[in-house]
Amino acid sequence: MFRSNVNQLLEEKGMSTYALAEKSGISRQSLFKARQDAGISECRLSTLARIARALEVGTKDLFDEKREP
């Protein structure tokens, strides 16, 4: 299971979802999915790469793996 870091990164960068959509060329619907823990694992790697580029971070910085006990 993955945990999304997109909301945290948006806050750190002072960027809105609308601004990220404009900068990345990704729909706000896709960004909504990437912002959810359950949704980020359903995103294409190419979509995550575009989001990461727009946020000026590495793709792997968009999520953390949650380990189940």
PDB file of N, CA and C in Angstrom:
ATOM      1  N   MET A   1       0.845  -1.178   0.000  1.00  0.00           N
ATOM      2  CA  MET A   1       0.000   0.000   0.000  1.00  0.00           C
ATOM      3  C   MET A   1       0.891   1.241   0.000  1.00  0.00           C
ATOM      4  N   PHE A   2       0.451   2.254  -0.702  1.00  0.00           N
ATOM      5  CA  PHE A   2       1.230   3.481  -0.809  1.00  0.00           C
ATOM      6  C   PHE A   2       0.505   4.644  -0.140  1.00  0.00           C
ATOM      7  N   ARG A   3       1.286   5.568   0.363  1.00  0.00           N
ATOM      8  CA  ARG A   3       0.760   6.796   0.954  1.00  0.00           C
ATOM      9  C   ARG A   3       1.210   7.953   0.068  1.00  0.00           C
ATOM     10  N   SER A   4       0.261   8.777  -0.344  1.00  0.00           N
ATOM     11  CA  SER A   4       0.564   9.902  -1.222  1.00  0.00           C
ATOM     12  C   SER A   4       1.186  11.056  -0.450  1.00  0.00           C
ATOM     13  N   ASN A   5       2.226  11.646  -1.014  1.00  0.00           N
ATOM     14  CA  ASN A   5       2.861  12.833  -0.453  1.00  0.00           C
ATOM     15  C   ASN A   5       2.507  14.094  -1.252  1.00  0.00           C
ATOM     16  N   VAL A   6       1.603  13.963  -2.220  1.00  0.00           N
ATOM     17  CA  VAL A   6       1.301  15.077  -3.120  1.00  0.00           C
ATOM     18  C   VAL A   6       0.737  16.273  -2.359  1.00  0.00           C
ATOM     19  N   ASN A   7      -0.197  16.048  -1.447  1.00  0.00           N
ATOM     20  CA  ASN A   7      -0.766  17.164  -0.677  1.00  0.00           C
ATOM     21  C   ASN A   7       0.305  17.900   0.111  1.00  0.00           C
ATOM     22  N   GLN A   8       1.180  17.151   0.737  1.00  0.00           N
ATOM     23  CA  GLN A   8       2.270  17.742   1.513  1.00  0.00           C
ATOM     24  C   GLN A   8       3.190  18.562   0.616  1.00  0.00           C
ATOM     25  N   LEU A   9       3.517  18.033  -0.554  1.00  0.00           N
ATOM     26  CA  LEU A   9       4.391  18.739  -1.480  1.00  0.00           C
ATOM     27  C   LEU A   9       3.728  20.009  -2.010  1.00  0.00           C
ATOM     28  N   LEU A  10       2.425  19.938  -2.289  1.00  0.00           N
ATOM     29  CA  LEU A  10       1.703  21.129  -2.729  1.00  0.00           C
ATOM     30  C   LEU A  10       1.784  22.224  -1.671  1.00  0.00           C
ATOM     31  N   GLU A  11       1.593  21.828  -0.432  1.00  0.00           N
ATOM     32  CA  GLU A  11       1.650  22.789   0.674  1.00  0.00           C
ATOM     33  C   GLU A  11       3.051  23.383   0.800  1.00  0.00           C
ATOM     34  N   GLU A  12       4.072  22.530   0.743  1.00  0.00           N
ATOM     35  CA  GLU A  12       5.456  23.004   0.858  1.00  0.00           C
ATOM     36  C   GLU A  12       5.823  23.975  -0.259  1.00  0.00           C
ATOM     37  N   LYS A  13       5.307  23.716  -1.452  1.00  0.00           N
ATOM     38  CA  LYS A  13       5.617  24.550  -2.615  1.00  0.00           C
ATOM     39  C   LYS A  13       4.704  25.768  -2.702  1.00  0.00           C
ATOM     40  N   GLY A  14       3.658  25.805  -1.854  1.00  0.00           N
ATOM     41  CA  GLY A  14       2.714  26.913  -1.909  1.00  0.00           C
ATOM     42  C   GLY A  14       1.927  26.930  -3.209  1.00  0.00           C
ATOM     43  N   MET A  15       1.604  25.761  -3.706  1.00  0.00           N
ATOM     44  CA  MET A  15       0.951  25.632  -5.006  1.00  0.00           C
ATOM     45  C   MET A  15      -0.448  25.046  -4.831  1.00  0.00           C
ATOM     46  N   SER A  16      -1.390  25.533  -5.606  1.00  0.00           N
ATOM     47  CA  SER A  16      -2.748  24.993  -5.581  1.00  0.00           C
ATOM     48  C   SER A  16      -2.861  23.833  -6.573  1.00  0.00           C
ATOM     49  N   THR A  17      -3.913  23.065  -6.424  1.00  0.00           N
ATOM     50  CA  THR A  17      -4.163  21.975  -7.368  1.00  0.00           C
ATOM     51  C   THR A  17      -4.358  22.526  -8.769  1.00  0.00           C
ATOM     52  N   TYR A  18      -5.045  23.660  -8.868  1.00  0.00           N
ATOM     53  CA  TYR A  18      -5.275  24.291 -10.168  1.00  0.00           C
ATOM     54  C   TYR A  18      -3.943  24.668 -10.823  1.00  0.00           C
ATOM     55  N   ALA A  19      -3.045  25.269 -10.054  1.00  0.00           N
ATOM     56  CA  ALA A  19      -1.737  25.658 -10.584  1.00  0.00           C
ATOM     57  C   ALA A  19      -0.933  24.429 -11.017  1.00  0.00           C
ATOM     58  N   LEU A  20      -1.019  23.366 -10.223  1.00  0.00           N
ATOM     59  CA  LEU A  20      -0.312  22.138 -10.581  1.00  0.00           C
ATOM     60  C   LEU A  20      -0.885  21.541 -11.855  1.00  0.00           C
ATOM     61  N   ALA A  21      -2.195  21.584 -12.004  1.00  0.00           N
ATOM     62  CA  ALA A  21      -2.825  21.076 -13.226  1.00  0.00           C
ATOM     63  C   ALA A  21      -2.341  21.860 -14.439  1.00  0.00           C
ATOM     64  N   GLU A  22      -2.277  23.165 -14.313  1.00  0.00           N
ATOM     65  CA  GLU A  22      -1.802  24.017 -15.410  1.00  0.00           C
ATOM     66  C   GLU A  22      -0.339  23.724 -15.751  1.00  0.00           C
ATOM     67  N   LYS A  23       0.499  23.647 -14.735  1.00  0.00           N
ATOM     68  CA  LYS A  23       1.936  23.461 -14.941  1.00  0.00           C
ATOM     69  C   LYS A  23       2.282  22.069 -15.472  1.00  0.00           C
ATOM     70  N   SER A  24       1.540  21.052 -15.025  1.00  0.00           N
ATOM     71  CA  SER A  24       1.849  19.671 -15.410  1.00  0.00           C
ATOM     72  C   SER A  24       1.102  19.211 -16.654  1.00  0.00           C
ATOM     73  N   GLY A  25      -0.006  19.885 -16.974  1.00  0.00           N
ATOM     74  CA  GLY A  25      -0.831  19.442 -18.096  1.00  0.00           C
ATOM     75  C   GLY A  25      -1.683  18.230 -17.743  1.00  0.00           C
ATOM     76  N   ILE A  26      -1.833  17.964 -16.459  1.00  0.00           N
ATOM     77  CA  ILE A  26      -2.624  16.835 -15.962  1.00  0.00           C
ATOM     78  C   ILE A  26      -3.987  17.377 -15.529  1.00  0.00           C
ATOM     79  N   SER A  27      -5.045  16.616 -15.789  1.00  0.00           N
ATOM     80  CA  SER A  27      -6.379  17.053 -15.378  1.00  0.00           C
ATOM     81  C   SER A  27      -6.491  17.090 -13.860  1.00  0.00           C
ATOM     82  N   ARG A  28      -7.365  17.946 -13.374  1.00  0.00           N
ATOM     83  CA  ARG A  28      -7.559  18.014 -11.927  1.00  0.00           C
ATOM     84  C   ARG A  28      -8.134  16.709 -11.395  1.00  0.00           C
ATOM     85  N   GLN A  29      -8.890  15.994 -12.209  1.00  0.00           N
ATOM     86  CA  GLN A  29      -9.423  14.692 -11.799  1.00  0.00           C
ATOM     87  C   GLN A  29      -8.285  13.703 -11.545  1.00  0.00           C
ATOM     88  N   SER A  30      -7.301  13.677 -12.417  1.00  0.00           N
ATOM     89  CA  SER A  30      -6.150  12.795 -12.223  1.00  0.00           C
ATOM     90  C   SER A  30      -5.332  13.224 -11.012  1.00  0.00           C
ATOM     91  N   LEU A  31      -5.211  14.523 -10.813  1.00  0.00           N
ATOM     92  CA  LEU A  31      -4.488  15.020  -9.642  1.00  0.00           C
ATOM     93  C   LEU A  31      -5.215  14.662  -8.361  1.00  0.00           C
ATOM     94  N   PHE A  32      -6.544  14.699  -8.393  1.00  0.00           N
ATOM     95  CA  PHE A  32      -7.316  14.304  -7.224  1.00  0.00           C
ATOM     96  C   PHE A  32      -6.996  12.859  -6.851  1.00  0.00           C
ATOM     97  N   LYS A  33      -6.901  11.993  -7.860  1.00  0.00           N
ATOM     98  CA  LYS A  33      -6.569  10.588  -7.619  1.00  0.00           C
ATOM     99  C   LYS A  33      -5.170  10.460  -7.025  1.00  0.00           C
ATOM    100  N   ALA A  34      -4.222  11.215  -7.561  1.00  0.00           N
ATOM    101  CA  ALA A  34      -2.832  11.140  -7.085  1.00  0.00           C
ATOM    102  C   ALA A  34      -2.684  11.670  -5.665  1.00  0.00           C
ATOM    103  N   ARG A  35      -3.608  12.527  -5.238  1.00  0.00           N
ATOM    104  CA  ARG A  35      -3.537  13.101  -3.898  1.00  0.00           C
ATOM    105  C   ARG A  35      -4.071  12.155  -2.835  1.00  0.00           C
ATOM    106  N   GLN A  36      -4.757  11.096  -3.233  1.00  0.00           N
ATOM    107  CA  GLN A  36      -5.330  10.135  -2.287  1.00  0.00           C
ATOM    108  C   GLN A  36      -4.397   8.942  -2.120  1.00  0.00           C
ATOM    109  N   ASP A  37      -4.318   8.437  -0.901  1.00  0.00           N
ATOM    110  CA  ASP A  37      -3.457   7.281  -0.634  1.00  0.00           C
ATOM    111  C   ASP A  37      -3.833   6.091  -1.514  1.00  0.00           C
ATOM    112  N   ALA A  38      -5.120   5.776  -1.596  1.00  0.00           N
ATOM    113  CA  ALA A  38      -5.558   4.625  -2.387  1.00  0.00           C
ATOM    114  C   ALA A  38      -5.448   4.890  -3.885  1.00  0.00           C
ATOM    115  N   GLY A  39      -5.535   6.132  -4.292  1.00  0.00           N
ATOM    116  CA  GLY A  39      -5.536   6.463  -5.709  1.00  0.00           C
ATOM    117  C   GLY A  39      -4.172   6.537  -6.353  1.00  0.00           C
ATOM    118  N   ILE A  40      -3.155   6.893  -5.594  1.00  0.00           N
ATOM    119  CA  ILE A  40      -1.838   7.095  -6.202  1.00  0.00           C
ATOM    120  C   ILE A  40      -1.295   5.818  -6.835  1.00  0.00           C
ATOM    121  N   SER A  41      -1.637   4.677  -6.288  1.00  0.00           N
ATOM    122  CA  SER A  41      -1.151   3.413  -6.850  1.00  0.00           C
ATOM    123  C   SER A  41      -1.833   3.087  -8.176  1.00  0.00           C
ATOM    124  N   GLU A  42      -2.922   3.782  -8.495  1.00  0.00           N
ATOM    125  CA  GLU A  42      -3.619   3.558  -9.757  1.00  0.00           C
ATOM    126  C   GLU A  42      -3.133   4.489 -10.864  1.00  0.00           C
ATOM    127  N   CYS A  43      -2.299   5.450 -10.525  1.00  0.00           N
ATOM    128  CA  CYS A  43      -1.794   6.410 -11.510  1.00  0.00           C
ATOM    129  C   CYS A  43      -0.695   5.785 -12.365  1.00  0.00           C
ATOM    130  N   ARG A  44      -0.669   6.180 -13.608  1.00  0.00           N
ATOM    131  CA  ARG A  44       0.404   5.736 -14.501  1.00  0.00           C
ATOM    132  C   ARG A  44       1.715   6.386 -14.073  1.00  0.00           C
ATOM    133  N   LEU A  45       2.788   5.689 -14.307  1.00  0.00           N
ATOM    134  CA  LEU A  45       4.104   6.222 -13.975  1.00  0.00           C
ATOM    135  C   LEU A  45       4.376   7.503 -14.756  1.00  0.00           C
ATOM    136  N   SER A  46       3.938   7.566 -16.001  1.00  0.00           N
ATOM    137  CA  SER A  46       4.140   8.775 -16.801  1.00  0.00           C
ATOM    138  C   SER A  46       3.392   9.970 -16.206  1.00  0.00           C
ATOM    139  N   THR A  47       2.221   9.725 -15.631  1.00  0.00           N
ATOM    140  CA  THR A  47       1.460  10.785 -14.971  1.00  0.00           C
ATOM    141  C   THR A  47       2.200  11.262 -13.730  1.00  0.00           C
ATOM    142  N   LEU A  48       2.689  10.321 -12.943  1.00  0.00           N
ATOM    143  CA  LEU A  48       3.446  10.674 -11.737  1.00  0.00           C
ATOM    144  C   LEU A  48       4.707  11.446 -12.096  1.00  0.00           C
ATOM    145  N   ALA A  49       5.357  11.073 -13.178  1.00  0.00           N
ATOM    146  CA  ALA A  49       6.578  11.766 -13.609  1.00  0.00           C
ATOM    147  C   ALA A  49       6.268  13.214 -13.987  1.00  0.00           C
ATOM    148  N   ARG A  50       5.141  13.460 -14.644  1.00  0.00           N
ATOM    149  CA  ARG A  50       4.757  14.827 -15.019  1.00  0.00           C
ATOM    150  C   ARG A  50       4.428  15.660 -13.783  1.00  0.00           C
ATOM    151  N   ILE A  51       3.764  15.048 -12.816  1.00  0.00           N
ATOM    152  CA  ILE A  51       3.456  15.743 -11.569  1.00  0.00           C
ATOM    153  C   ILE A  51       4.749  16.099 -10.842  1.00  0.00           C
ATOM    154  N   ALA A  52       5.658  15.127 -10.770  1.00  0.00           N
ATOM    155  CA  ALA A  52       6.936  15.347 -10.089  1.00  0.00           C
ATOM    156  C   ALA A  52       7.736  16.469 -10.759  1.00  0.00           C
ATOM    157  N   ARG A  53       7.782  16.472 -12.079  1.00  0.00           N
ATOM    158  CA  ARG A  53       8.495  17.532 -12.792  1.00  0.00           C
ATOM    159  C   ARG A  53       7.912  18.903 -12.480  1.00  0.00           C
ATOM    160  N   ALA A  54       6.576  18.978 -12.453  1.00  0.00           N
ATOM    161  CA  ALA A  54       5.912  20.249 -12.171  1.00  0.00           C
ATOM    162  C   ALA A  54       6.200  20.720 -10.746  1.00  0.00           C
ATOM    163  N   LEU A  55       6.340  19.764  -9.814  1.00  0.00           N
ATOM    164  CA  LEU A  55       6.640  20.097  -8.421  1.00  0.00           C
ATOM    165  C   LEU A  55       8.142  20.223  -8.161  1.00  0.00           C
ATOM    166  N   GLU A  56       8.942  19.900  -9.186  1.00  0.00           N
ATOM    167  CA  GLU A  56      10.402  19.953  -9.100  1.00  0.00           C
ATOM    168  C   GLU A  56      10.939  19.029  -8.008  1.00  0.00           C
ATOM    169  N   VAL A  57      10.423  17.798  -8.006  1.00  0.00           N
ATOM    170  CA  VAL A  57      10.872  16.750  -7.086  1.00  0.00           C
ATOM    171  C   VAL A  57      11.058  15.471  -7.888  1.00  0.00           C
ATOM    172  N   GLY A  58      11.656  14.472  -7.275  1.00  0.00           N
ATOM    173  CA  GLY A  58      11.780  13.173  -7.909  1.00  0.00           C
ATOM    174  C   GLY A  58      10.444  12.432  -7.865  1.00  0.00           C
ATOM    175  N   THR A  59      10.211  11.576  -8.819  1.00  0.00           N
ATOM    176  CA  THR A  59       8.956  10.814  -8.865  1.00  0.00           C
ATOM    177  C   THR A  59       8.757  10.022  -7.581  1.00  0.00           C
ATOM    178  N   LYS A  60       9.828   9.435  -7.055  1.00  0.00           N
ATOM    179  CA  LYS A  60       9.708   8.627  -5.839  1.00  0.00           C
ATOM    180  C   LYS A  60       9.325   9.463  -4.617  1.00  0.00           C
ATOM    181  N   ASP A  61       9.493  10.790  -4.702  1.00  0.00           N
ATOM    182  CA  ASP A  61       9.121  11.667  -3.591  1.00  0.00           C
ATOM    183  C   ASP A  61       7.609  11.860  -3.478  1.00  0.00           C
ATOM    184  N   LEU A  62       6.859  11.442  -4.483  1.00  0.00           N
ATOM    185  CA  LEU A  62       5.406  11.618  -4.474  1.00  0.00           C
ATOM    186  C   LEU A  62       4.690  10.642  -3.554  1.00  0.00           C
ATOM    187  N   PHE A  63       5.369   9.576  -3.158  1.00  0.00           N
ATOM    188  CA  PHE A  63       4.697   8.567  -2.333  1.00  0.00           C
ATOM    189  C   PHE A  63       5.668   7.868  -1.403  1.00  0.00           C
ATOM    190  N   ASP A  64       5.112   7.269  -0.368  1.00  0.00           N
ATOM    191  CA  ASP A  64       5.843   6.400   0.554  1.00  0.00           C
ATOM    192  C   ASP A  64       5.133   5.067   0.578  1.00  0.00           C
ATOM    193  N   GLU A  65       5.856   4.016   0.840  1.00  0.00           N
ATOM    194  CA  GLU A  65       5.244   2.704   0.974  1.00  0.00           C
ATOM    195  C   GLU A  65       4.861   2.483   2.432  1.00  0.00           C
ATOM    196  N   LYS A  66       3.613   2.109   2.641  1.00  0.00           N
ATOM    197  CA  LYS A  66       3.134   1.767   3.985  1.00  0.00           C
ATOM    198  C   LYS A  66       3.299   0.262   4.134  1.00  0.00           C
ATOM    199  N   ARG A  67       4.020  -0.123   5.106  1.00  0.00           N
ATOM    200  CA  ARG A  67       4.217  -1.560   5.341  1.00  0.00           C
ATOM    201  C   ARG A  67       3.140  -2.067   6.289  1.00  0.00           C
ATOM    202  N   GLU A  68       2.530  -3.153   5.874  1.00  0.00           N
ATOM    203  CA  GLU A  68       1.493  -3.784   6.699  1.00  0.00           C
ATOM    204  C   GLU A  68       2.171  -4.719   7.705  1.00  0.00           C
ATOM    205  N   PRO A  69       1.721  -4.696   8.956  1.00  0.00           N
ATOM    206  CA  PRO A  69       2.357  -5.564   9.967  1.00  0.00           C
ATOM    207  C   PRO A  69       2.058  -7.025   9.723  1.00  0.00           C
TER     208      PRO A  69
END
